Structures are given as C-alpha cells and as structure tokens.
C-alpha cells in the first residue's frame, strides 16, 4: 500500500515536471514569435523610411535640365497655338467685318436691277443709260471687295448657296438643276452671305 502510494506520488511529480517543461517551451516560442514579429515590423518601417528618403532625394542636374526642356517645349507649343488662333480670329474679323454693309449694298443692287428691267419703257434713254452705268460701277466696287454674285442659272442645286423656293418638272433640265434665279445670291470672301432664291427642276 505504501509502495503504491509512493508510485503515485512519483507519477504526479513526473507529470508536474512535464507540464512545467511544456509551459517553459511554449513561453520561449511565444517570446520568439514576438521577437520575430517585432523584427518584421522594424524591417518594414525601415523600408518605408528608405522609400520616403528616396522620394525626398533631390533630382540630379541632368534630370532637372530635361524636365525644364520638356516644360519649355510645352509652353512654346501652347504659345504657338495661341498665336495661330489669335491670327485666325484677326483674319476672320478682317475678312467679314464688311458683311453687314455688304448685305445692305446688295439690297441696293436689287433695286438697281429692278429699275433696269423697266428702263426699256422709259422715254429718256440717257437716264436709263445713266442708271445702268451706276449699276455697273456699284457691281465693280462690290467685286473689288470680294462680294461676288453666285452663279445659279443652269447650275446644280447646292444647299450651301441656293435656297429652293419652287420646283417643277422641266424636260430641258436634269433633276436637281437650277432652272431660274428669282433673287441673286452673293458671297463675301467665299462665305455665303445671302443664298440665291431659285427654281429647281424635279
């Protein structure tokens, strides 16, 4: 009985020693894991600091010179585009500044043409000739300033220069051709300032 008790006591002592060893081993492993984690975190922080230092490192003179060249080229290109746009705007203003007075003079031309149509019935031929001379002079002034009459009769209908107000079938004309000009149209430096009113064949 005493012997049995003694064996039990020895067994309990062995179990206690084994448990203590396991606790010591687990504690050492935990400490190692903590140290490993701390080392990894320190290494990561060092890498971040190195990267930050690298980004804050001033560029070399060659890199700075290259960036300045690129910046200068970009600014020069933008300035050239600005000059080109400004010059184009000036040209447009110069070419079409007279558009309003041109349209007013065109109305005067219309009245001269109506007067010339009825000039044959006028007894004073000298007066009729005078009206025709003034008409030709005015037309010459308009042409001098690039205000040109649009050729319409017998031309193919073009919606950029013609305004079709009538259409009829005509065997003498193909479909889409201008049969008759009812009111003359004009361009200013190639720009249509008044389309011609025309009759078109179907």
Foldseek 3Di string as FASTA:
>chain_A
DVVVVVVVVVVVVVVVVVVVVVVVVVVVVVVVVVVVVVVVVVVVVVVVVVVVVVVVDDDDPVVVVVVVVVVVVVVVVVVVVVVVVVVVVVVVCVQCVCLVVLVVVLVVLVVLVVCLVCQVVDPPVVVSVVSVVVSVVSQVVCVVQVWDKDDAAFAADDVQAEDEPAEEADPVDDFRHFHAFPGIWIAGPNHTSGHTYTYTYD
